[in-house]
């Protein structure tokens, strides 16, 4: 899939509307009981960037970004204003935030992940687009040095421990980070009406998450 490693203007996405979506089949039986089945193992996020457009300059910026992506053709990064860190919104990421794996003495690569929930049915989300320079890693609670002990691929979210620093068997690998969502425009046509915009109308600019 074609992907441009560039982020949608953050000042606009900060005021966007949207969030996660799931697909669940619900069958109501004759008795009134229900049978429910989840069609997607993972949620998929969608947004409307139009809510972040506050000026004609914002519109100009979006048109340029849309044209360079060729509409729906190329994916890009998106900062989800509700969910973009390994920790709570008001906290600073820590290398102890998320458990991303357990060492076995030979495994060197670990995918960044974020866990949602903890009591009933926690869901683990792969983080494929971490923000470069934001990832910190610890092994058994001891923070490691980026570039000396490990390397992070910001295009895939894979942490690779370097030779001589591979976690021993049973050691817990944890990480803290900021991340973006891989998305694309969900339209090949932008409907923009300047007269409507000046009177308070919001342009529809749909954005949808892509699975990598």
N, C-alpha and C. Protein backbone atom coordinates (compact mmCIF):
# COMPACT_ATOMS: atom_id res chain seq x y z
N UNK A 1 0.84 -1.20 0.00
CA UNK A 1 0.00 0.00 0.00
C UNK A 1 0.87 1.24 0.00
N UNK A 2 0.50 2.23 -0.81
CA UNK A 2 1.26 3.46 -0.88
C UNK A 2 0.98 4.32 0.34
N UNK A 3 2.06 4.72 1.02
CA UNK A 3 1.91 5.50 2.24
C UNK A 3 2.94 6.63 2.25
N UNK A 4 2.47 7.85 2.48
CA UNK A 4 3.36 9.00 2.62
C UNK A 4 3.60 9.23 4.11
N UNK A 5 4.86 9.22 4.51
CA UNK A 5 5.18 9.37 5.93
C UNK A 5 5.17 10.85 6.33
N UNK A 6 3.98 11.43 6.27
CA UNK A 6 3.79 12.83 6.63
C UNK A 6 2.50 12.92 7.42
N UNK A 7 2.45 13.84 8.38
CA UNK A 7 1.27 13.97 9.24
C UNK A 7 0.33 15.05 8.73
N UNK A 8 -0.96 14.74 8.77
CA UNK A 8 -2.00 15.72 8.50
C UNK A 8 -1.82 16.90 9.46
N UNK A 9 -2.08 18.13 9.02
CA UNK A 9 -1.87 19.29 9.90
C UNK A 9 -2.51 19.12 11.28
N UNK A 10 -1.68 19.11 12.30
CA UNK A 10 -2.15 18.81 13.66
C UNK A 10 -3.12 19.86 14.19
N UNK A 11 -2.92 21.10 13.83
CA UNK A 11 -3.80 22.16 14.33
C UNK A 11 -5.23 21.95 13.86
N UNK A 12 -5.40 21.30 12.70
CA UNK A 12 -6.73 21.03 12.17
C UNK A 12 -7.29 19.74 12.76
N UNK A 13 -6.47 18.69 12.82
CA UNK A 13 -6.96 17.41 13.35
C UNK A 13 -7.31 17.51 14.83
N UNK A 14 -6.71 18.47 15.53
CA UNK A 14 -6.97 18.61 16.97
C UNK A 14 -8.45 18.87 17.26
N UNK A 15 -9.15 19.49 16.31
CA UNK A 15 -10.56 19.81 16.51
C UNK A 15 -11.49 18.91 15.69
N UNK A 16 -10.95 17.82 15.15
CA UNK A 16 -11.76 16.91 14.36
C UNK A 16 -12.69 16.09 15.24
N UNK A 17 -13.64 15.44 14.59
CA UNK A 17 -14.60 14.59 15.30
C UNK A 17 -14.43 13.16 14.80
N UNK A 18 -14.52 12.18 15.70
CA UNK A 18 -14.42 10.79 15.27
C UNK A 18 -13.91 9.90 16.37
N UNK A 19 -13.66 8.63 16.02
CA UNK A 19 -13.18 7.68 17.01
C UNK A 19 -13.28 6.26 16.48
N UNK A 20 -13.15 5.26 17.38
CA UNK A 20 -13.13 3.87 16.94
C UNK A 20 -14.50 3.34 16.55
N UNK A 21 -14.49 2.38 15.62
CA UNK A 21 -15.70 1.71 15.16
C UNK A 21 -15.47 0.20 15.16
N UNK A 22 -16.50 -0.55 15.52
CA UNK A 22 -16.45 -2.00 15.44
C UNK A 22 -17.66 -2.51 14.66
N UNK A 23 -17.57 -3.74 14.20
CA UNK A 23 -18.68 -4.36 13.47
C UNK A 23 -19.17 -5.57 14.25
N UNK A 24 -20.41 -5.50 14.70
CA UNK A 24 -21.00 -6.58 15.47
C UNK A 24 -22.33 -6.99 14.86
N UNK A 25 -22.49 -8.27 14.57
CA UNK A 25 -23.76 -8.81 14.11
C UNK A 25 -24.61 -9.15 15.32
N UNK A 26 -25.84 -8.65 15.33
CA UNK A 26 -26.77 -8.94 16.43
C UNK A 26 -28.02 -9.60 15.86
N UNK A 27 -28.31 -10.81 16.31
CA UNK A 27 -29.50 -11.55 15.88
C UNK A 27 -30.43 -11.69 17.09
N UNK A 28 -31.62 -11.13 16.95
CA UNK A 28 -32.62 -11.24 18.03
C UNK A 28 -33.45 -12.49 17.78
N UNK A 29 -33.39 -13.41 18.72
CA UNK A 29 -34.13 -14.67 18.60
C UNK A 29 -35.61 -14.48 18.93
N UNK A 30 -36.41 -15.48 18.57
CA UNK A 30 -37.85 -15.40 18.83
C UNK A 30 -38.16 -15.27 20.31
N UNK A 31 -37.27 -15.78 21.13
CA UNK A 31 -37.47 -15.71 22.58
C UNK A 31 -37.14 -14.34 23.16
N UNK A 32 -36.54 -13.48 22.32
CA UNK A 32 -36.12 -12.17 22.81
C UNK A 32 -34.66 -12.11 23.21
N UNK A 33 -34.03 -13.29 23.34
CA UNK A 33 -32.60 -13.32 23.61
C UNK A 33 -31.84 -12.94 22.35
N UNK A 34 -30.56 -12.59 22.53
CA UNK A 34 -29.73 -12.17 21.40
C UNK A 34 -28.54 -13.09 21.22
N UNK A 35 -28.12 -13.20 19.96
CA UNK A 35 -26.83 -13.80 19.62
C UNK A 35 -25.99 -12.70 19.01
N UNK A 36 -24.78 -12.50 19.56
CA UNK A 36 -23.92 -11.43 19.06
C UNK A 36 -22.57 -11.99 18.62
N UNK A 37 -22.10 -11.51 17.48
CA UNK A 37 -20.83 -11.98 16.94
C UNK A 37 -20.04 -10.80 16.40
N UNK A 38 -18.77 -10.72 16.80
CA UNK A 38 -17.90 -9.64 16.33
C UNK A 38 -17.29 -10.01 14.99
N UNK A 39 -17.51 -9.18 13.98
CA UNK A 39 -16.97 -9.46 12.64
C UNK A 39 -15.54 -8.99 12.50
N UNK A 40 -15.13 -7.99 13.31
CA UNK A 40 -13.77 -7.46 13.26
C UNK A 40 -13.05 -7.80 14.57
N UNK A 41 -11.84 -8.33 14.44
CA UNK A 41 -11.03 -8.58 15.64
C UNK A 41 -10.51 -7.26 16.21
N UNK A 42 -10.27 -6.29 15.32
CA UNK A 42 -9.72 -4.99 15.73
C UNK A 42 -10.67 -3.88 15.31
N UNK A 43 -10.70 -2.82 16.10
CA UNK A 43 -11.50 -1.66 15.74
C UNK A 43 -10.84 -0.88 14.62
N UNK A 44 -11.60 -0.01 14.00
CA UNK A 44 -11.10 0.85 12.92
C UNK A 44 -11.60 2.26 13.19
N UNK A 45 -10.70 3.23 13.12
CA UNK A 45 -11.05 4.59 13.45
C UNK A 45 -11.41 5.40 12.20
N UNK A 46 -12.34 6.31 12.37
CA UNK A 46 -12.69 7.23 11.30
C UNK A 46 -12.93 8.61 11.91
N UNK A 47 -12.72 9.62 11.10
CA UNK A 47 -12.79 11.01 11.58
C UNK A 47 -13.39 11.91 10.51
N UNK A 48 -13.83 13.07 10.94
CA UNK A 48 -14.23 14.13 10.02
C UNK A 48 -13.37 15.35 10.33
N UNK A 49 -12.43 15.63 9.43
CA UNK A 49 -11.50 16.74 9.66
C UNK A 49 -12.16 18.09 9.45
N UNK A 50 -13.37 18.10 8.89
CA UNK A 50 -14.04 19.37 8.64
C UNK A 50 -14.29 20.18 9.89
N UNK A 51 -14.45 19.51 11.02
CA UNK A 51 -14.71 20.22 12.27
C UNK A 51 -13.49 21.03 12.74
N UNK A 52 -12.33 20.72 12.18
CA UNK A 52 -11.13 21.46 12.55
C UNK A 52 -10.84 22.66 11.66
N UNK A 53 -11.64 22.83 10.62
CA UNK A 53 -11.41 23.95 9.69
C UNK A 53 -12.00 25.22 10.27
N UNK A 54 -11.13 26.18 10.56
CA UNK A 54 -11.58 27.42 11.19
C UNK A 54 -11.36 28.65 10.33
N UNK A 55 -10.65 28.52 9.22
CA UNK A 55 -10.35 29.68 8.39
C UNK A 55 -10.14 29.25 6.95
N UNK A 56 -10.10 30.22 6.05
CA UNK A 56 -9.82 29.93 4.65
C UNK A 56 -8.39 29.42 4.48
N UNK A 57 -7.50 29.87 5.34
CA UNK A 57 -6.13 29.35 5.29
C UNK A 57 -6.11 27.85 5.61
N UNK A 58 -6.96 27.42 6.55
CA UNK A 58 -7.06 26.00 6.85
C UNK A 58 -7.54 25.22 5.63
N UNK A 59 -8.54 25.75 4.94
CA UNK A 59 -9.04 25.11 3.73
C UNK A 59 -7.96 25.00 2.66
N UNK A 60 -7.21 26.07 2.49
CA UNK A 60 -6.13 26.07 1.51
C UNK A 60 -5.11 24.98 1.84
N UNK A 61 -4.80 24.84 3.13
CA UNK A 61 -3.84 23.84 3.57
C UNK A 61 -4.35 22.42 3.30
N UNK A 62 -5.64 22.20 3.55
CA UNK A 62 -6.22 20.87 3.33
C UNK A 62 -6.28 20.53 1.85
N UNK A 63 -6.64 21.50 1.01
CA UNK A 63 -6.69 21.24 -0.43
C UNK A 63 -5.32 20.81 -0.95
N UNK A 64 -4.27 21.51 -0.51
CA UNK A 64 -2.91 21.16 -0.94
C UNK A 64 -2.55 19.75 -0.45
N UNK A 65 -2.92 19.43 0.78
CA UNK A 65 -2.61 18.11 1.34
C UNK A 65 -3.39 17.03 0.60
N UNK A 66 -4.66 17.30 0.30
CA UNK A 66 -5.51 16.36 -0.43
C UNK A 66 -4.97 16.09 -1.82
N UNK A 67 -4.58 17.14 -2.52
CA UNK A 67 -4.07 16.98 -3.88
C UNK A 67 -2.76 16.19 -3.90
N UNK A 68 -1.89 16.45 -2.94
CA UNK A 68 -0.61 15.72 -2.91
C UNK A 68 -0.83 14.25 -2.60
N UNK A 69 -1.87 13.93 -1.83
CA UNK A 69 -2.18 12.52 -1.53
C UNK A 69 -2.97 11.87 -2.66
N UNK A 70 -3.38 12.68 -3.66
CA UNK A 70 -4.19 12.18 -4.79
C UNK A 70 -5.51 11.58 -4.27
N UNK A 71 -6.14 12.30 -3.36
CA UNK A 71 -7.40 11.81 -2.79
C UNK A 71 -7.17 10.58 -1.94
N UNK A 72 -7.83 9.48 -2.30
CA UNK A 72 -7.75 8.25 -1.50
C UNK A 72 -6.53 7.39 -1.80
N UNK A 73 -5.68 7.82 -2.73
CA UNK A 73 -4.61 6.95 -3.22
C UNK A 73 -3.52 6.68 -2.19
N UNK A 74 -3.04 7.71 -1.52
CA UNK A 74 -1.91 7.56 -0.61
C UNK A 74 -2.34 7.76 0.84
N UNK A 75 -1.86 6.89 1.72
CA UNK A 75 -2.11 7.04 3.14
C UNK A 75 -1.18 8.07 3.75
N UNK A 76 -1.45 8.42 5.02
CA UNK A 76 -0.65 9.41 5.72
C UNK A 76 -0.87 9.26 7.22
N UNK A 77 -0.10 9.99 8.00
CA UNK A 77 -0.23 9.96 9.46
C UNK A 77 -1.31 10.93 9.94
N UNK A 78 -1.94 10.56 11.05
CA UNK A 78 -3.00 11.38 11.65
C UNK A 78 -2.81 11.37 13.16
N UNK A 79 -2.79 12.55 13.77
CA UNK A 79 -2.72 12.65 15.22
C UNK A 79 -4.14 12.63 15.77
N UNK A 80 -4.49 11.52 16.43
CA UNK A 80 -5.81 11.40 17.04
C UNK A 80 -5.82 12.27 18.30
N UNK A 81 -6.63 13.31 18.35
CA UNK A 81 -6.58 14.22 19.51
C UNK A 81 -7.05 13.57 20.80
N UNK A 82 -7.73 12.41 20.71
CA UNK A 82 -8.23 11.73 21.91
C UNK A 82 -7.30 10.61 22.38
N UNK A 83 -6.42 10.14 21.51
CA UNK A 83 -5.65 8.93 21.83
C UNK A 83 -4.36 8.92 21.03
N UNK A 84 -3.28 9.45 21.63
CA UNK A 84 -2.02 9.53 20.87
C UNK A 84 -0.78 9.25 21.73
N UNK A 85 -1.01 8.70 22.92
CA UNK A 85 0.11 8.38 23.81
C UNK A 85 -0.09 7.01 24.45
N UNK A 86 1.00 6.46 24.96
CA UNK A 86 0.95 5.16 25.63
C UNK A 86 0.38 5.24 27.03
N UNK A 87 0.07 6.45 27.47
CA UNK A 87 -0.39 6.69 28.85
C UNK A 87 -1.67 7.50 28.83
N UNK A 88 -2.10 7.94 29.97
CA UNK A 88 -3.29 8.79 30.08
C UNK A 88 -3.02 10.14 29.42
N UNK A 89 -4.09 10.82 28.93
CA UNK A 89 -3.91 12.07 28.19
C UNK A 89 -3.09 13.14 28.90
N UNK A 90 -3.24 13.25 30.21
CA UNK A 90 -2.54 14.30 30.94
C UNK A 90 -1.20 13.87 31.53
N UNK A 91 -0.78 12.64 31.23
CA UNK A 91 0.49 12.13 31.75
C UNK A 91 1.56 12.19 30.67
N UNK A 92 2.80 12.05 31.08
CA UNK A 92 3.93 11.98 30.15
C UNK A 92 4.30 10.53 29.94
N UNK A 93 4.58 10.12 28.69
CA UNK A 93 4.94 8.72 28.43
C UNK A 93 6.14 8.28 29.26
N UNK A 94 6.08 7.06 29.75
CA UNK A 94 7.14 6.46 30.56
C UNK A 94 7.53 5.13 29.95
N UNK A 95 8.79 4.72 30.06
CA UNK A 95 9.18 3.42 29.51
C UNK A 95 8.50 2.24 30.19
N UNK A 96 7.74 2.49 31.25
CA UNK A 96 7.03 1.42 31.95
C UNK A 96 5.55 1.35 31.58
N UNK A 97 5.11 2.18 30.64
CA UNK A 97 3.68 2.29 30.32
C UNK A 97 3.04 1.00 29.83
N UNK A 98 3.63 0.39 28.80
CA UNK A 98 3.00 -0.74 28.13
C UNK A 98 3.93 -1.94 28.07
N UNK A 99 3.41 -3.11 28.39
CA UNK A 99 4.18 -4.34 28.23
C UNK A 99 4.10 -4.77 26.76
N UNK A 100 5.24 -4.88 26.10
CA UNK A 100 5.24 -5.24 24.68
C UNK A 100 5.79 -6.64 24.42
N UNK A 101 6.22 -7.33 25.46
CA UNK A 101 6.68 -8.69 25.28
C UNK A 101 7.53 -9.18 26.43
N UNK A 102 7.93 -10.44 26.32
CA UNK A 102 8.80 -11.06 27.32
C UNK A 102 9.96 -11.72 26.61
N UNK A 103 11.16 -11.46 27.09
CA UNK A 103 12.35 -12.01 26.46
C UNK A 103 12.44 -13.52 26.61
N UNK A 104 13.14 -14.14 25.62
CA UNK A 104 13.40 -15.58 25.72
C UNK A 104 14.88 -15.89 25.51
N UNK A 105 15.69 -14.83 25.48
CA UNK A 105 17.12 -15.01 25.30
C UNK A 105 17.58 -14.93 23.86
N UNK A 106 16.64 -15.08 22.91
CA UNK A 106 17.00 -15.02 21.48
C UNK A 106 16.17 -14.00 20.71
N UNK A 107 14.96 -13.75 21.16
CA UNK A 107 14.08 -12.82 20.45
C UNK A 107 14.60 -11.39 20.58
N UNK A 108 14.79 -10.74 19.43
CA UNK A 108 15.34 -9.38 19.43
C UNK A 108 14.30 -8.32 19.05
N UNK A 109 13.26 -8.70 18.30
CA UNK A 109 12.29 -7.72 17.78
C UNK A 109 10.98 -7.79 18.55
N UNK A 110 10.46 -6.62 18.92
CA UNK A 110 9.21 -6.52 19.66
C UNK A 110 8.34 -5.43 19.03
N UNK A 111 7.10 -5.77 18.71
CA UNK A 111 6.15 -4.80 18.16
C UNK A 111 5.59 -3.92 19.27
N UNK A 112 5.59 -2.61 19.08
CA UNK A 112 4.95 -1.72 20.05
C UNK A 112 3.45 -2.00 20.07
N UNK A 113 2.88 -2.03 21.25
CA UNK A 113 1.46 -2.27 21.40
C UNK A 113 0.91 -1.39 22.52
N UNK A 114 -0.42 -1.24 22.50
CA UNK A 114 -1.11 -0.53 23.58
C UNK A 114 -2.32 -1.36 23.97
N UNK A 115 -2.49 -1.60 25.28
CA UNK A 115 -3.59 -2.42 25.78
C UNK A 115 -4.70 -1.53 26.30
N UNK A 116 -5.94 -1.86 25.92
CA UNK A 116 -7.13 -1.13 26.36
C UNK A 116 -7.95 -2.04 27.27
N UNK A 117 -8.21 -1.59 28.50
CA UNK A 117 -8.95 -2.40 29.46
C UNK A 117 -8.03 -3.34 30.20
N UNK A 118 -8.57 -3.98 31.24
CA UNK A 118 -7.72 -4.90 32.01
C UNK A 118 -8.49 -5.99 32.74
N UNK A 119 -9.78 -5.83 32.95
CA UNK A 119 -10.49 -6.76 33.82
C UNK A 119 -11.21 -7.89 33.09
N UNK A 120 -11.88 -7.59 31.99
CA UNK A 120 -12.78 -8.57 31.37
C UNK A 120 -12.25 -9.10 30.04
N UNK A 121 -11.98 -8.21 29.09
CA UNK A 121 -11.52 -8.66 27.78
C UNK A 121 -10.59 -7.60 27.19
N UNK A 122 -9.38 -7.47 27.73
CA UNK A 122 -8.45 -6.44 27.23
C UNK A 122 -8.19 -6.61 25.74
N UNK A 123 -8.09 -5.49 25.05
CA UNK A 123 -7.79 -5.51 23.61
C UNK A 123 -6.41 -4.92 23.39
N UNK A 124 -5.57 -5.63 22.64
CA UNK A 124 -4.21 -5.18 22.36
C UNK A 124 -4.14 -4.61 20.94
N UNK A 125 -3.70 -3.37 20.86
CA UNK A 125 -3.61 -2.67 19.57
C UNK A 125 -2.15 -2.55 19.15
N UNK A 126 -1.84 -2.99 17.94
CA UNK A 126 -0.50 -2.80 17.40
C UNK A 126 -0.29 -1.34 17.05
N UNK A 127 0.83 -0.78 17.46
CA UNK A 127 1.17 0.60 17.16
C UNK A 127 2.18 0.60 16.02
N UNK A 128 1.71 0.94 14.81
CA UNK A 128 2.55 0.83 13.62
C UNK A 128 3.24 2.14 13.24
N UNK A 129 2.76 3.26 13.80
CA UNK A 129 3.34 4.56 13.43
C UNK A 129 3.71 5.38 14.66
N UNK A 130 4.72 4.93 15.42
CA UNK A 130 5.17 5.75 16.56
C UNK A 130 5.81 7.04 16.07
N UNK A 131 5.81 8.04 16.91
CA UNK A 131 6.46 9.31 16.58
C UNK A 131 7.96 9.14 16.80
N UNK A 132 8.73 9.47 15.78
CA UNK A 132 10.18 9.32 15.86
C UNK A 132 10.74 10.10 17.04
N UNK A 133 11.60 9.47 17.81
CA UNK A 133 12.23 10.13 18.95
C UNK A 133 11.43 10.10 20.23
N UNK A 134 10.20 9.58 20.18
CA UNK A 134 9.35 9.59 21.37
C UNK A 134 9.39 8.28 22.15
N UNK A 135 9.95 7.22 21.55
CA UNK A 135 9.87 5.89 22.15
C UNK A 135 10.97 5.70 23.20
N UNK A 136 10.57 5.28 24.40
CA UNK A 136 11.52 4.89 25.44
C UNK A 136 11.22 3.44 25.82
N UNK A 137 12.26 2.68 26.13
CA UNK A 137 12.12 1.24 26.38
C UNK A 137 12.82 0.86 27.67
N UNK A 138 12.22 -0.09 28.39
CA UNK A 138 12.84 -0.62 29.61
C UNK A 138 12.78 -2.15 29.58
N UNK A 139 13.75 -2.78 30.19
CA UNK A 139 13.77 -4.24 30.33
C UNK A 139 13.82 -4.54 31.83
N UNK A 140 12.80 -5.26 32.30
CA UNK A 140 12.67 -5.55 33.74
C UNK A 140 12.77 -4.29 34.58
N UNK A 141 12.15 -3.21 34.08
CA UNK A 141 12.08 -1.97 34.83
C UNK A 141 13.28 -1.05 34.70
N UNK A 142 14.31 -1.47 33.97
CA UNK A 142 15.51 -0.65 33.79
C UNK A 142 15.50 -0.03 32.40
N UNK A 143 15.50 1.30 32.34
CA UNK A 143 15.44 1.98 31.06
C UNK A 143 16.70 1.72 30.23
N UNK A 144 16.50 1.50 28.93
CA UNK A 144 17.59 1.24 28.02
C UNK A 144 17.84 2.46 27.13
N UNK A 145 19.01 2.47 26.46
CA UNK A 145 19.41 3.62 25.67
C UNK A 145 19.13 3.38 24.18
N UNK A 146 18.37 4.30 23.59
CA UNK A 146 18.09 4.23 22.16
C UNK A 146 19.38 4.41 21.37
N UNK A 147 19.62 3.53 20.40
CA UNK A 147 20.82 3.61 19.59
C UNK A 147 21.98 2.81 20.15
N UNK A 148 21.94 2.53 21.46
CA UNK A 148 22.99 1.71 22.08
C UNK A 148 22.47 0.32 22.40
N UNK A 149 21.30 0.27 23.04
CA UNK A 149 20.70 -1.01 23.40
C UNK A 149 19.67 -1.49 22.38
N UNK A 150 19.00 -0.56 21.73
CA UNK A 150 17.93 -0.93 20.81
C UNK A 150 17.77 0.15 19.73
N UNK A 151 17.01 -0.19 18.69
CA UNK A 151 16.66 0.75 17.64
C UNK A 151 15.16 0.63 17.37
N UNK A 152 14.53 1.74 17.00
CA UNK A 152 13.08 1.75 16.73
C UNK A 152 12.86 2.13 15.27
N UNK A 153 12.02 1.37 14.59
CA UNK A 153 11.63 1.70 13.22
C UNK A 153 10.33 2.49 13.28
N UNK A 154 10.35 3.81 13.02
CA UNK A 154 9.12 4.60 13.12
C UNK A 154 8.11 4.29 12.02
N UNK A 155 8.52 3.53 11.00
CA UNK A 155 7.60 3.18 9.92
C UNK A 155 6.79 1.93 10.23
N UNK A 156 7.26 1.12 11.20
CA UNK A 156 6.57 -0.13 11.53
C UNK A 156 6.23 -0.28 13.01
N UNK A 157 6.91 0.48 13.87
CA UNK A 157 6.70 0.35 15.31
C UNK A 157 7.39 -0.85 15.92
N UNK A 158 8.41 -1.37 15.24
CA UNK A 158 9.14 -2.52 15.76
C UNK A 158 10.40 -2.04 16.49
N UNK A 159 10.56 -2.52 17.73
CA UNK A 159 11.75 -2.24 18.52
C UNK A 159 12.69 -3.44 18.37
N UNK A 160 13.92 -3.18 17.93
CA UNK A 160 14.89 -4.26 17.74
C UNK A 160 16.07 -4.05 18.67
N UNK A 161 16.31 -5.02 19.53
CA UNK A 161 17.46 -4.94 20.44
C UNK A 161 18.73 -5.31 19.68
N UNK A 162 19.78 -4.56 19.93
CA UNK A 162 21.03 -4.76 19.23
C UNK A 162 21.82 -5.92 19.84
N UNK A 163 22.79 -6.42 19.09
CA UNK A 163 23.59 -7.55 19.54
C UNK A 163 24.21 -7.27 20.91
N UNK A 164 24.10 -8.24 21.79
CA UNK A 164 24.63 -8.08 23.14
C UNK A 164 23.65 -7.48 24.12
N UNK A 165 22.48 -7.06 23.63
CA UNK A 165 21.49 -6.42 24.50
C UNK A 165 20.12 -7.09 24.42
N UNK A 166 20.06 -8.27 23.83
CA UNK A 166 18.79 -8.99 23.70
C UNK A 166 18.29 -9.40 25.09
N UNK A 167 17.02 -9.14 25.41
CA UNK A 167 16.48 -9.47 26.73
C UNK A 167 16.62 -10.96 27.05
N UNK A 168 17.00 -11.24 28.27
CA UNK A 168 17.14 -12.63 28.72
C UNK A 168 15.77 -13.26 28.92
N UNK A 169 15.74 -14.58 29.02
CA UNK A 169 14.49 -15.31 29.20
C UNK A 169 13.78 -14.83 30.47
N UNK A 170 12.50 -14.52 30.31
CA UNK A 170 11.68 -14.10 31.44
C UNK A 170 11.70 -12.62 31.73
N UNK A 171 12.56 -11.86 31.07
CA UNK A 171 12.61 -10.42 31.31
C UNK A 171 11.46 -9.71 30.57
N UNK A 172 10.80 -8.80 31.28
CA UNK A 172 9.68 -8.06 30.72
C UNK A 172 10.18 -6.85 29.93
N UNK A 173 9.66 -6.68 28.72
CA UNK A 173 10.01 -5.54 27.88
C UNK A 173 8.83 -4.58 27.87
N UNK A 174 9.06 -3.35 28.29
CA UNK A 174 8.00 -2.33 28.34
C UNK A 174 8.43 -1.10 27.55
N UNK A 175 7.45 -0.28 27.20
CA UNK A 175 7.76 0.90 26.38
C UNK A 175 6.75 2.01 26.62
N UNK A 176 7.19 3.22 26.36
CA UNK A 176 6.33 4.40 26.37
C UNK A 176 6.56 5.15 25.08
N UNK A 177 5.53 5.82 24.57
CA UNK A 177 5.67 6.43 23.24
C UNK A 177 4.49 7.36 22.92
N UNK A 178 4.69 8.17 21.91
CA UNK A 178 3.61 8.87 21.23
C UNK A 178 3.41 8.16 19.89
N UNK A 179 2.21 8.28 19.33
CA UNK A 179 1.97 7.59 18.06
C UNK A 179 0.93 8.30 17.22
N UNK A 180 0.99 8.01 15.92
CA UNK A 180 -0.01 8.50 14.97
C UNK A 180 -0.82 7.32 14.46
N UNK A 181 -1.95 7.62 13.82
CA UNK A 181 -2.80 6.60 13.22
C UNK A 181 -2.57 6.63 11.70
N UNK A 182 -2.32 5.48 11.07
CA UNK A 182 -2.21 5.46 9.60
C UNK A 182 -3.60 5.57 8.98
N UNK A 183 -3.81 6.56 8.15
CA UNK A 183 -5.14 6.83 7.60
C UNK A 183 -5.04 7.19 6.12
N UNK A 184 -6.19 7.41 5.51
CA UNK A 184 -6.30 7.97 4.16
C UNK A 184 -7.57 8.80 4.10
N UNK A 185 -7.69 9.65 3.07
CA UNK A 185 -8.95 10.31 2.83
C UNK A 185 -9.98 9.26 2.41
N UNK A 186 -11.21 9.41 2.85
CA UNK A 186 -12.26 8.47 2.47
C UNK A 186 -13.16 9.06 1.40
N UNK A 187 -12.59 9.89 0.56
CA UNK A 187 -13.31 10.47 -0.58
C UNK A 187 -12.29 10.91 -1.63
N UNK A 188 -12.71 10.91 -2.86
CA UNK A 188 -11.88 11.45 -3.94
C UNK A 188 -12.36 12.82 -4.37
N UNK A 189 -13.29 13.39 -3.60
CA UNK A 189 -13.87 14.68 -3.97
C UNK A 189 -14.12 15.51 -2.73
N UNK A 190 -13.61 16.72 -2.70
CA UNK A 190 -13.88 17.64 -1.60
C UNK A 190 -14.97 18.62 -2.03
N UNK A 191 -16.04 18.65 -1.26
CA UNK A 191 -17.15 19.57 -1.52
C UNK A 191 -16.94 20.81 -0.67
N UNK A 192 -16.54 21.92 -1.30
CA UNK A 192 -16.26 23.14 -0.56
C UNK A 192 -17.12 24.27 -1.11
N UNK A 193 -17.88 24.89 -0.23
CA UNK A 193 -18.73 26.01 -0.59
C UNK A 193 -18.33 27.20 0.28
N UNK A 194 -17.68 28.17 -0.34
CA UNK A 194 -17.17 29.29 0.45
C UNK A 194 -18.29 30.12 1.09
N UNK A 195 -19.41 30.26 0.39
CA UNK A 195 -20.50 31.03 0.98
C UNK A 195 -21.05 30.32 2.21
N UNK A 196 -21.13 28.99 2.13
CA UNK A 196 -21.59 28.24 3.28
C UNK A 196 -20.58 28.28 4.41
N UNK A 197 -19.28 28.26 4.07
CA UNK A 197 -18.23 28.28 5.08
C UNK A 197 -18.26 29.56 5.88
N UNK A 198 -18.43 30.71 5.20
CA UNK A 198 -18.44 31.99 5.89
C UNK A 198 -19.67 32.15 6.78
N UNK A 199 -20.71 31.37 6.51
CA UNK A 199 -21.91 31.47 7.34
C UNK A 199 -21.95 30.40 8.42
N UNK A 200 -20.86 29.64 8.53
CA UNK A 200 -20.76 28.68 9.62
C UNK A 200 -20.87 27.22 9.21
N UNK A 201 -21.05 26.91 7.92
CA UNK A 201 -21.15 25.52 7.49
C UNK A 201 -19.79 24.83 7.61
N UNK A 202 -19.82 23.54 7.94
CA UNK A 202 -18.59 22.77 8.10
C UNK A 202 -18.41 21.86 6.89
N UNK A 203 -17.29 21.94 6.19
CA UNK A 203 -17.07 21.04 5.06
C UNK A 203 -16.88 19.61 5.54
N UNK A 204 -17.33 18.65 4.73
CA UNK A 204 -17.19 17.24 5.08
C UNK A 204 -15.86 16.72 4.54
N UNK A 205 -14.94 16.35 5.45
CA UNK A 205 -13.62 15.85 5.04
C UNK A 205 -13.40 14.53 5.77
N UNK A 206 -13.91 13.42 5.21
CA UNK A 206 -13.82 12.12 5.89
C UNK A 206 -12.42 11.52 5.82
N UNK A 207 -11.99 10.98 6.95
CA UNK A 207 -10.69 10.32 7.10
C UNK A 207 -10.95 8.95 7.68
N UNK A 208 -10.26 7.91 7.17
CA UNK A 208 -10.48 6.56 7.70
C UNK A 208 -9.14 5.87 7.93
N UNK A 209 -9.06 5.08 8.99
CA UNK A 209 -7.85 4.35 9.33
C UNK A 209 -7.59 3.25 8.30
N UNK A 210 -6.33 3.02 7.98
CA UNK A 210 -5.95 1.91 7.12
C UNK A 210 -5.18 0.90 7.95
N UNK A 211 -5.35 -0.37 7.63
CA UNK A 211 -4.67 -1.44 8.35
C UNK A 211 -3.42 -1.84 7.60
N UNK A 212 -2.32 -1.82 8.29
CA UNK A 212 -1.02 -2.09 7.66
C UNK A 212 -0.52 -3.48 8.04
